[in-house]
Amino acid sequence: MSNITLKVNGRTHTLDIDPSTPLLYILRNDLGLQGPRFGCGLGQCGACTVIVKGAAVRSCITPTSTVQGAEITTLEGLAQDGRLHPVQQAWIDEQVPQCGFCQNGQIMTAKALLDLNPNPTDAEIREGMDRTLCRCMTYYRIQAAIKRAAKVIAAAGPAAEKEVVA
């Protein structure tokens, strides 16, 4: 066991854990966060996706020791001051979820995609989201929600986006 310090959603946590423990287990079991889900346990479905240093990361296969000190954002960390992040609001507006199981991974991957490419084409959205699986097949609604969020973020300007994710 080792003391590992994690910065999750802007809060610092020091935990006495096995450094090889998957980040997903720490987020859910030790920190009580319910956004990241256990799906496949192999990093293939995306249900466990979190954002680490701006990149979408599969937390089920990420040893906690590899993200020590890095800024980690979960679904719970997107909304600020009671306001949903534009991606979360777009998900509601486009009525994306059916069963909802994959939505954490879809939203977090979409957020990371828009951070890297604020105005993606349909092909770029499909490519950026292709490893995040939805068994209900809501891919067209996901694509529409990402396009809606991109428009909202662009209309708000760069200062507003920084305020939303700060």
N, C-alpha and C. Protein backbone atom coordinates (compact mmCIF):
# COMPACT_ATOMS: atom_id res chain seq x y z
N MET A 1 0.84 -1.18 0.00
CA MET A 1 0.00 0.00 0.00
C MET A 1 0.88 1.24 0.00
N SER A 2 0.39 2.27 -0.64
CA SER A 2 1.13 3.53 -0.73
C SER A 2 0.17 4.69 -0.63
N ASN A 3 0.69 5.82 -0.19
CA ASN A 3 -0.09 7.04 -0.23
C ASN A 3 -0.04 7.59 -1.64
N ILE A 4 -1.21 7.73 -2.25
CA ILE A 4 -1.33 8.27 -3.60
C ILE A 4 -2.21 9.52 -3.50
N THR A 5 -1.75 10.60 -4.12
CA THR A 5 -2.54 11.84 -4.13
C THR A 5 -3.16 12.01 -5.50
N LEU A 6 -4.47 12.17 -5.51
CA LEU A 6 -5.22 12.37 -6.74
C LEU A 6 -5.95 13.71 -6.67
N LYS A 7 -6.00 14.39 -7.80
CA LYS A 7 -6.78 15.62 -7.90
C LYS A 7 -7.97 15.32 -8.81
N VAL A 8 -9.13 15.18 -8.20
CA VAL A 8 -10.33 14.78 -8.93
C VAL A 8 -11.37 15.88 -8.82
N ASN A 9 -11.80 16.38 -9.97
CA ASN A 9 -12.83 17.43 -10.02
C ASN A 9 -12.46 18.63 -9.16
N GLY A 10 -11.17 18.96 -9.16
CA GLY A 10 -10.70 20.14 -8.44
C GLY A 10 -10.42 19.92 -6.97
N ARG A 11 -10.65 18.72 -6.45
CA ARG A 11 -10.40 18.43 -5.04
C ARG A 11 -9.24 17.44 -4.93
N THR A 12 -8.40 17.64 -3.93
CA THR A 12 -7.25 16.76 -3.72
C THR A 12 -7.60 15.69 -2.69
N HIS A 13 -7.23 14.46 -3.02
CA HIS A 13 -7.48 13.32 -2.13
C HIS A 13 -6.17 12.55 -1.97
N THR A 14 -5.80 12.23 -0.74
CA THR A 14 -4.66 11.37 -0.48
C THR A 14 -5.20 10.06 0.08
N LEU A 15 -4.86 8.96 -0.60
CA LEU A 15 -5.41 7.66 -0.26
C LEU A 15 -4.29 6.66 -0.05
N ASP A 16 -4.48 5.77 0.88
CA ASP A 16 -3.54 4.68 1.13
C ASP A 16 -4.06 3.46 0.35
N ILE A 17 -3.51 3.26 -0.84
CA ILE A 17 -4.02 2.22 -1.74
C ILE A 17 -2.88 1.49 -2.42
N ASP A 18 -3.21 0.38 -3.04
CA ASP A 18 -2.26 -0.33 -3.90
C ASP A 18 -2.13 0.50 -5.17
N PRO A 19 -0.93 0.95 -5.53
CA PRO A 19 -0.76 1.83 -6.70
C PRO A 19 -1.21 1.22 -8.02
N SER A 20 -1.31 -0.12 -8.07
CA SER A 20 -1.73 -0.76 -9.32
C SER A 20 -3.25 -0.86 -9.45
N THR A 21 -3.97 -0.43 -8.43
CA THR A 21 -5.43 -0.49 -8.47
C THR A 21 -5.95 0.37 -9.62
N PRO A 22 -6.87 -0.17 -10.43
CA PRO A 22 -7.43 0.64 -11.51
C PRO A 22 -8.10 1.91 -10.98
N LEU A 23 -7.88 2.99 -11.67
CA LEU A 23 -8.45 4.27 -11.28
C LEU A 23 -9.96 4.18 -11.09
N LEU A 24 -10.64 3.43 -11.93
CA LEU A 24 -12.10 3.29 -11.82
C LEU A 24 -12.51 2.84 -10.44
N TYR A 25 -11.82 1.86 -9.88
CA TYR A 25 -12.17 1.33 -8.57
C TYR A 25 -12.01 2.39 -7.49
N ILE A 26 -10.97 3.19 -7.60
CA ILE A 26 -10.74 4.26 -6.62
C ILE A 26 -11.83 5.32 -6.74
N LEU A 27 -12.14 5.71 -7.98
CA LEU A 27 -13.16 6.74 -8.18
C LEU A 27 -14.52 6.30 -7.63
N ARG A 28 -14.91 5.08 -7.92
CA ARG A 28 -16.23 4.61 -7.50
C ARG A 28 -16.25 4.17 -6.04
N ASN A 29 -15.30 3.32 -5.66
CA ASN A 29 -15.37 2.69 -4.34
C ASN A 29 -14.83 3.57 -3.22
N ASP A 30 -13.75 4.29 -3.47
CA ASP A 30 -13.15 5.10 -2.42
C ASP A 30 -13.66 6.53 -2.40
N LEU A 31 -13.92 7.10 -3.58
CA LEU A 31 -14.37 8.49 -3.63
C LEU A 31 -15.88 8.62 -3.84
N GLY A 32 -16.57 7.53 -4.09
CA GLY A 32 -18.03 7.53 -4.19
C GLY A 32 -18.58 8.19 -5.43
N LEU A 33 -17.79 8.29 -6.48
CA LEU A 33 -18.26 8.90 -7.72
C LEU A 33 -18.96 7.84 -8.57
N GLN A 34 -20.13 8.18 -9.07
CA GLN A 34 -20.93 7.19 -9.80
C GLN A 34 -20.95 7.42 -11.31
N GLY A 35 -20.31 8.48 -11.80
CA GLY A 35 -20.29 8.74 -13.23
C GLY A 35 -19.59 7.64 -14.01
N PRO A 36 -18.31 7.41 -13.76
CA PRO A 36 -17.61 6.35 -14.48
C PRO A 36 -18.21 4.99 -14.13
N ARG A 37 -18.49 4.20 -15.15
CA ARG A 37 -19.13 2.90 -14.97
C ARG A 37 -18.18 1.77 -15.31
N PHE A 38 -18.36 0.64 -14.66
CA PHE A 38 -17.64 -0.57 -15.06
C PHE A 38 -18.43 -1.21 -16.19
N GLY A 39 -17.81 -1.31 -17.35
CA GLY A 39 -18.47 -1.96 -18.49
C GLY A 39 -17.79 -3.27 -18.80
N CYS A 40 -16.70 -3.18 -19.54
CA CYS A 40 -16.01 -4.40 -19.99
C CYS A 40 -14.80 -4.74 -19.14
N GLY A 41 -14.21 -3.77 -18.47
CA GLY A 41 -13.01 -4.01 -17.69
C GLY A 41 -11.76 -4.17 -18.53
N LEU A 42 -11.88 -3.96 -19.83
CA LEU A 42 -10.76 -4.14 -20.76
C LEU A 42 -10.41 -2.87 -21.52
N GLY A 43 -11.08 -1.76 -21.21
CA GLY A 43 -10.81 -0.51 -21.91
C GLY A 43 -11.37 -0.47 -23.31
N GLN A 44 -12.33 -1.32 -23.62
CA GLN A 44 -12.85 -1.39 -24.99
C GLN A 44 -14.19 -0.71 -25.19
N CYS A 45 -15.00 -0.59 -24.14
CA CYS A 45 -16.35 -0.05 -24.34
C CYS A 45 -16.45 1.45 -24.07
N GLY A 46 -15.66 1.97 -23.14
CA GLY A 46 -15.66 3.40 -22.87
C GLY A 46 -16.57 3.86 -21.74
N ALA A 47 -17.32 2.97 -21.12
CA ALA A 47 -18.24 3.38 -20.05
C ALA A 47 -17.52 4.01 -18.86
N CYS A 48 -16.25 3.69 -18.70
CA CYS A 48 -15.47 4.16 -17.55
C CYS A 48 -14.66 5.43 -17.85
N THR A 49 -14.88 6.04 -18.98
CA THR A 49 -14.04 7.16 -19.43
C THR A 49 -14.07 8.35 -18.47
N VAL A 50 -12.87 8.87 -18.21
CA VAL A 50 -12.67 10.11 -17.47
C VAL A 50 -11.70 10.95 -18.30
N ILE A 51 -11.53 12.19 -17.94
CA ILE A 51 -10.58 13.06 -18.64
C ILE A 51 -9.38 13.28 -17.73
N VAL A 52 -8.20 12.94 -18.25
CA VAL A 52 -6.95 13.13 -17.52
C VAL A 52 -6.05 13.99 -18.38
N LYS A 53 -5.65 15.15 -17.85
CA LYS A 53 -4.81 16.09 -18.60
C LYS A 53 -5.39 16.38 -19.98
N GLY A 54 -6.71 16.52 -20.07
CA GLY A 54 -7.37 16.88 -21.31
C GLY A 54 -7.68 15.73 -22.25
N ALA A 55 -7.27 14.53 -21.94
CA ALA A 55 -7.49 13.38 -22.82
C ALA A 55 -8.51 12.42 -22.22
N ALA A 56 -9.34 11.84 -23.08
CA ALA A 56 -10.27 10.81 -22.64
C ALA A 56 -9.48 9.54 -22.34
N VAL A 57 -9.64 9.03 -21.12
CA VAL A 57 -8.86 7.89 -20.64
C VAL A 57 -9.81 6.83 -20.09
N ARG A 58 -9.52 5.58 -20.39
CA ARG A 58 -10.30 4.45 -19.86
C ARG A 58 -9.81 4.16 -18.44
N SER A 59 -10.61 4.51 -17.46
CA SER A 59 -10.17 4.38 -16.07
C SER A 59 -10.11 2.94 -15.59
N CYS A 60 -10.77 2.01 -16.28
CA CYS A 60 -10.76 0.62 -15.83
C CYS A 60 -9.41 -0.06 -16.07
N ILE A 61 -8.60 0.49 -16.96
CA ILE A 61 -7.29 -0.11 -17.25
C ILE A 61 -6.14 0.83 -16.92
N THR A 62 -6.44 1.92 -16.23
CA THR A 62 -5.42 2.90 -15.87
C THR A 62 -5.00 2.69 -14.43
N PRO A 63 -3.76 2.24 -14.20
CA PRO A 63 -3.30 2.11 -12.81
C PRO A 63 -3.31 3.48 -12.14
N THR A 64 -3.81 3.54 -10.94
CA THR A 64 -3.92 4.81 -10.22
C THR A 64 -2.58 5.52 -10.10
N SER A 65 -1.50 4.77 -9.97
CA SER A 65 -0.18 5.38 -9.82
C SER A 65 0.22 6.22 -11.02
N THR A 66 -0.33 5.92 -12.20
CA THR A 66 0.06 6.65 -13.41
C THR A 66 -0.61 8.01 -13.54
N VAL A 67 -1.60 8.28 -12.70
CA VAL A 67 -2.30 9.57 -12.79
C VAL A 67 -2.13 10.40 -11.51
N GLN A 68 -1.23 9.97 -10.66
CA GLN A 68 -0.98 10.71 -9.42
C GLN A 68 -0.62 12.16 -9.74
N GLY A 69 -1.32 13.08 -9.11
CA GLY A 69 -1.04 14.50 -9.28
C GLY A 69 -1.66 15.13 -10.52
N ALA A 70 -2.16 14.33 -11.44
CA ALA A 70 -2.78 14.87 -12.66
C ALA A 70 -4.21 15.31 -12.36
N GLU A 71 -4.68 16.29 -13.11
CA GLU A 71 -6.08 16.72 -12.99
C GLU A 71 -6.96 15.67 -13.65
N ILE A 72 -7.88 15.12 -12.88
CA ILE A 72 -8.82 14.11 -13.35
C ILE A 72 -10.21 14.71 -13.27
N THR A 73 -10.95 14.61 -14.37
CA THR A 73 -12.32 15.11 -14.38
C THR A 73 -13.26 13.95 -14.67
N THR A 74 -14.28 13.83 -13.83
CA THR A 74 -15.32 12.83 -14.04
C THR A 74 -16.59 13.56 -14.46
N LEU A 75 -17.60 12.80 -14.78
CA LEU A 75 -18.88 13.39 -15.17
C LEU A 75 -19.38 14.36 -14.11
N GLU A 76 -19.17 14.03 -12.85
CA GLU A 76 -19.61 14.89 -11.75
C GLU A 76 -18.90 16.24 -11.75
N GLY A 77 -17.75 16.32 -12.38
CA GLY A 77 -16.97 17.55 -12.38
C GLY A 77 -17.26 18.49 -13.53
N LEU A 78 -18.16 18.11 -14.43
CA LEU A 78 -18.44 18.98 -15.59
C LEU A 78 -19.35 20.15 -15.25
N ALA A 79 -20.40 19.92 -14.51
CA ALA A 79 -21.32 21.01 -14.15
C ALA A 79 -20.62 21.93 -13.16
N GLN A 80 -20.85 23.22 -13.31
CA GLN A 80 -20.25 24.22 -12.42
C GLN A 80 -21.31 25.19 -11.94
N ASP A 81 -21.30 25.43 -10.65
CA ASP A 81 -22.23 26.38 -10.04
C ASP A 81 -23.68 26.11 -10.43
N GLY A 82 -24.04 24.84 -10.47
CA GLY A 82 -25.41 24.47 -10.79
C GLY A 82 -25.76 24.53 -12.27
N ARG A 83 -24.78 24.85 -13.11
CA ARG A 83 -25.03 24.92 -14.56
C ARG A 83 -24.39 23.71 -15.22
N LEU A 84 -25.18 23.02 -16.02
CA LEU A 84 -24.65 21.90 -16.77
C LEU A 84 -23.64 22.38 -17.80
N HIS A 85 -22.67 21.56 -18.08
CA HIS A 85 -21.73 21.84 -19.17
C HIS A 85 -22.53 21.77 -20.48
N PRO A 86 -22.16 22.54 -21.50
CA PRO A 86 -22.90 22.51 -22.77
C PRO A 86 -23.06 21.11 -23.36
N VAL A 87 -22.11 20.22 -23.15
CA VAL A 87 -22.26 18.85 -23.66
C VAL A 87 -23.37 18.15 -22.89
N GLN A 88 -23.41 18.30 -21.59
CA GLN A 88 -24.47 17.68 -20.80
C GLN A 88 -25.85 18.22 -21.21
N GLN A 89 -25.94 19.54 -21.39
CA GLN A 89 -27.22 20.13 -21.78
C GLN A 89 -27.64 19.66 -23.17
N ALA A 90 -26.69 19.55 -24.08
CA ALA A 90 -27.00 19.06 -25.43
C ALA A 90 -27.52 17.63 -25.38
N TRP A 91 -26.98 16.83 -24.47
CA TRP A 91 -27.45 15.44 -24.33
C TRP A 91 -28.93 15.42 -23.95
N ILE A 92 -29.32 16.35 -23.07
CA ILE A 92 -30.72 16.45 -22.67
C ILE A 92 -31.56 16.96 -23.82
N ASP A 93 -31.10 18.04 -24.45
CA ASP A 93 -31.86 18.66 -25.53
C ASP A 93 -32.10 17.71 -26.70
N GLU A 94 -31.11 16.88 -27.00
CA GLU A 94 -31.23 15.93 -28.12
C GLU A 94 -31.82 14.59 -27.69
N GLN A 95 -32.15 14.47 -26.41
CA GLN A 95 -32.72 13.24 -25.86
C GLN A 95 -31.89 12.02 -26.25
N VAL A 96 -30.60 12.09 -25.97
CA VAL A 96 -29.67 11.04 -26.39
C VAL A 96 -29.89 9.72 -25.67
N PRO A 97 -29.96 9.69 -24.34
CA PRO A 97 -29.94 8.39 -23.66
C PRO A 97 -31.17 7.53 -23.92
N GLN A 98 -30.92 6.25 -23.98
CA GLN A 98 -32.00 5.27 -23.89
C GLN A 98 -31.81 4.55 -22.57
N CYS A 99 -30.95 3.54 -22.53
CA CYS A 99 -30.73 2.86 -21.24
C CYS A 99 -29.83 3.70 -20.34
N GLY A 100 -28.95 4.50 -20.90
CA GLY A 100 -28.10 5.40 -20.13
C GLY A 100 -26.78 4.84 -19.67
N PHE A 101 -26.55 3.55 -19.82
CA PHE A 101 -25.34 2.95 -19.25
C PHE A 101 -24.06 3.55 -19.83
N CYS A 102 -24.02 3.82 -21.11
CA CYS A 102 -22.79 4.32 -21.76
C CYS A 102 -22.64 5.83 -21.69
N GLN A 103 -23.62 6.52 -21.16
CA GLN A 103 -23.64 7.98 -21.29
C GLN A 103 -22.45 8.67 -20.64
N ASN A 104 -21.95 8.15 -19.53
CA ASN A 104 -20.74 8.72 -18.94
C ASN A 104 -19.63 8.73 -19.98
N GLY A 105 -19.37 7.60 -20.58
CA GLY A 105 -18.30 7.51 -21.57
C GLY A 105 -18.54 8.37 -22.78
N GLN A 106 -19.78 8.41 -23.23
CA GLN A 106 -20.11 9.22 -24.40
C GLN A 106 -19.89 10.70 -24.12
N ILE A 107 -20.39 11.17 -23.00
CA ILE A 107 -20.28 12.59 -22.65
C ILE A 107 -18.82 12.98 -22.42
N MET A 108 -18.09 12.17 -21.68
CA MET A 108 -16.69 12.51 -21.39
C MET A 108 -15.83 12.46 -22.65
N THR A 109 -16.09 11.51 -23.52
CA THR A 109 -15.34 11.43 -24.77
C THR A 109 -15.69 12.62 -25.66
N ALA A 110 -16.97 12.98 -25.70
CA ALA A 110 -17.39 14.14 -26.50
C ALA A 110 -16.76 15.42 -25.98
N LYS A 111 -16.71 15.57 -24.67
CA LYS A 111 -16.07 16.77 -24.07
C LYS A 111 -14.61 16.86 -24.47
N ALA A 112 -13.89 15.75 -24.36
CA ALA A 112 -12.47 15.75 -24.75
C ALA A 112 -12.32 16.03 -26.24
N LEU A 113 -13.21 15.48 -27.05
CA LEU A 113 -13.17 15.72 -28.49
C LEU A 113 -13.35 17.21 -28.79
N LEU A 114 -14.35 17.82 -28.18
CA LEU A 114 -14.61 19.24 -28.43
C LEU A 114 -13.52 20.15 -27.88
N ASP A 115 -12.86 19.72 -26.83
CA ASP A 115 -11.73 20.50 -26.32
C ASP A 115 -10.59 20.51 -27.33
N LEU A 116 -10.39 19.40 -28.03
CA LEU A 116 -9.33 19.31 -29.04
C LEU A 116 -9.74 19.89 -30.38
N ASN A 117 -11.01 19.71 -30.72
CA ASN A 117 -11.53 20.14 -32.02
C ASN A 117 -12.89 20.79 -31.80
N PRO A 118 -12.94 22.10 -31.59
CA PRO A 118 -14.19 22.75 -31.23
C PRO A 118 -15.25 22.80 -32.33
N ASN A 119 -14.88 22.46 -33.56
CA ASN A 119 -15.85 22.48 -34.66
C ASN A 119 -15.67 21.25 -35.54
N PRO A 120 -15.93 20.05 -34.99
CA PRO A 120 -15.68 18.84 -35.77
C PRO A 120 -16.72 18.60 -36.86
N THR A 121 -16.28 18.00 -37.94
CA THR A 121 -17.19 17.56 -39.00
C THR A 121 -17.88 16.28 -38.53
N ASP A 122 -18.89 15.86 -39.28
CA ASP A 122 -19.56 14.61 -38.94
C ASP A 122 -18.56 13.44 -38.94
N ALA A 123 -17.68 13.41 -39.92
CA ALA A 123 -16.68 12.34 -39.99
C ALA A 123 -15.73 12.39 -38.80
N GLU A 124 -15.34 13.59 -38.39
CA GLU A 124 -14.44 13.72 -37.23
C GLU A 124 -15.13 13.31 -35.94
N ILE A 125 -16.43 13.58 -35.84
CA ILE A 125 -17.19 13.14 -34.66
C ILE A 125 -17.23 11.62 -34.64
N ARG A 126 -17.58 11.01 -35.76
CA ARG A 126 -17.64 9.54 -35.81
C ARG A 126 -16.29 8.93 -35.48
N GLU A 127 -15.22 9.50 -36.00
CA GLU A 127 -13.88 8.99 -35.73
C GLU A 127 -13.50 9.18 -34.25
N GLY A 128 -13.81 10.34 -33.70
CA GLY A 128 -13.46 10.62 -32.31
C GLY A 128 -14.25 9.81 -31.31
N MET A 129 -15.44 9.37 -31.70
CA MET A 129 -16.32 8.65 -30.79
C MET A 129 -16.37 7.15 -31.08
N ASP A 130 -15.64 6.68 -32.07
CA ASP A 130 -15.84 5.31 -32.57
C ASP A 130 -15.50 4.21 -31.58
N ARG A 131 -14.71 4.46 -30.56
CA ARG A 131 -14.38 3.42 -29.59
C ARG A 131 -15.23 3.51 -28.32
N THR A 132 -16.24 4.37 -28.33
CA THR A 132 -17.13 4.49 -27.18
C THR A 132 -18.47 3.89 -27.62
N LEU A 133 -18.77 2.72 -27.07
CA LEU A 133 -19.88 1.92 -27.56
C LEU A 133 -21.21 2.26 -26.90
N CYS A 134 -22.25 2.19 -27.70
CA CYS A 134 -23.63 2.37 -27.23
C CYS A 134 -24.44 1.19 -27.73
N ARG A 135 -24.86 0.35 -26.81
CA ARG A 135 -25.62 -0.84 -27.20
C ARG A 135 -27.01 -0.48 -27.69
N CYS A 136 -27.52 0.69 -27.34
CA CYS A 136 -28.84 1.12 -27.79
C CYS A 136 -28.79 1.76 -29.18
N MET A 137 -27.57 1.96 -29.67
CA MET A 137 -27.37 2.50 -31.02
C MET A 137 -27.90 3.92 -31.20
N THR A 138 -27.65 4.79 -30.24
CA THR A 138 -28.10 6.18 -30.34
C THR A 138 -27.05 7.08 -30.99
N TYR A 139 -26.24 6.52 -31.86
CA TYR A 139 -25.12 7.25 -32.43
C TYR A 139 -25.51 8.51 -33.19
N TYR A 140 -26.65 8.51 -33.87
CA TYR A 140 -27.05 9.73 -34.59
C TYR A 140 -27.45 10.83 -33.61
N ARG A 141 -28.09 10.46 -32.51
CA ARG A 141 -28.44 11.47 -31.50
C ARG A 141 -27.18 11.98 -30.80
N ILE A 142 -26.21 11.09 -30.58
CA ILE A 142 -24.93 11.50 -29.99
C ILE A 142 -24.26 12.52 -30.89
N GLN A 143 -24.23 12.23 -32.18
CA GLN A 143 -23.61 13.14 -33.15
C GLN A 143 -24.33 14.48 -33.16
N ALA A 144 -25.66 14.46 -33.13
CA ALA A 144 -26.43 15.71 -33.10
C ALA A 144 -26.15 16.51 -31.83
N ALA A 145 -26.02 15.81 -30.71
CA ALA A 145 -25.74 16.50 -29.44
C ALA A 145 -24.35 17.14 -29.45
N ILE A 146 -23.38 16.46 -30.03
CA ILE A 146 -22.02 17.02 -30.11
C ILE A 146 -22.03 18.27 -30.99
N LYS A 147 -22.75 18.22 -32.10
CA LYS A 147 -22.83 19.39 -32.97
C LYS A 147 -23.53 20.55 -32.26
N ARG A 148 -24.57 20.24 -31.50
CA ARG A 148 -25.29 21.27 -30.74
C ARG A 148 -24.37 21.89 -29.70
N ALA A 149 -23.65 21.06 -28.96
CA ALA A 149 -22.74 21.56 -27.92
C ALA A 149 -21.64 22.42 -28.55
N ALA A 150 -21.12 22.01 -29.70
CA ALA A 150 -20.08 22.78 -30.38
C ALA A 150 -20.59 24.18 -30.71
N LYS A 151 -21.83 24.28 -31.18
CA LYS A 151 -22.42 25.59 -31.50
C LYS A 151 -22.58 26.45 -30.25
N VAL A 152 -23.03 25.86 -29.18
CA VAL A 152 -23.22 26.60 -27.92
C VAL A 152 -21.88 27.10 -27.39
N ILE A 153 -20.89 26.23 -27.41
CA ILE A 153 -19.56 26.61 -26.92
C ILE A 153 -18.97 27.72 -27.78
N ALA A 154 -19.12 27.60 -29.11
CA ALA A 154 -18.59 28.63 -30.02
C ALA A 154 -19.30 29.96 -29.80
N ALA A 155 -20.60 29.93 -29.60
CA ALA A 155 -21.37 31.16 -29.39
C ALA A 155 -21.00 31.83 -28.07
N ALA A 156 -20.66 31.02 -27.08
CA ALA A 156 -20.31 31.58 -25.75
C ALA A 156 -18.92 32.20 -25.76
N GLY A 157 -18.06 31.76 -26.66
CA GLY A 157 -16.71 32.30 -26.73
C GLY A 157 -15.75 31.58 -25.82
N PRO A 158 -14.46 31.80 -26.00
CA PRO A 158 -13.44 31.09 -25.22
C PRO A 158 -13.48 31.37 -23.73
N ALA A 159 -13.80 32.57 -23.33
CA ALA A 159 -13.82 32.90 -21.90
C ALA A 159 -14.92 32.13 -21.19
N ALA A 160 -16.08 31.98 -21.84
CA ALA A 160 -17.18 31.26 -21.23
C ALA A 160 -16.86 29.79 -21.07
N GLU A 161 -16.18 29.18 -22.04
CA GLU A 161 -15.81 27.77 -21.94
C GLU A 161 -14.84 27.56 -20.79
N LYS A 162 -13.89 28.44 -20.61
CA LYS A 162 -12.94 28.31 -19.50
C LYS A 162 -13.68 28.43 -18.18
N GLU A 163 -14.67 29.31 -18.12
CA GLU A 163 -15.45 29.48 -16.91
C GLU A 163 -16.23 28.20 -16.60
N VAL A 164 -16.76 27.54 -17.64
CA VAL A 164 -17.58 26.35 -17.46
C VAL A 164 -16.73 25.19 -16.94
N VAL A 165 -15.51 25.04 -17.42
CA VAL A 165 -14.69 23.88 -17.04
C VAL A 165 -13.70 24.18 -15.92
N ALA A 166 -13.63 25.40 -15.45
CA ALA A 166 -12.66 25.74 -14.41
C ALA A 166 -12.94 25.01 -13.12
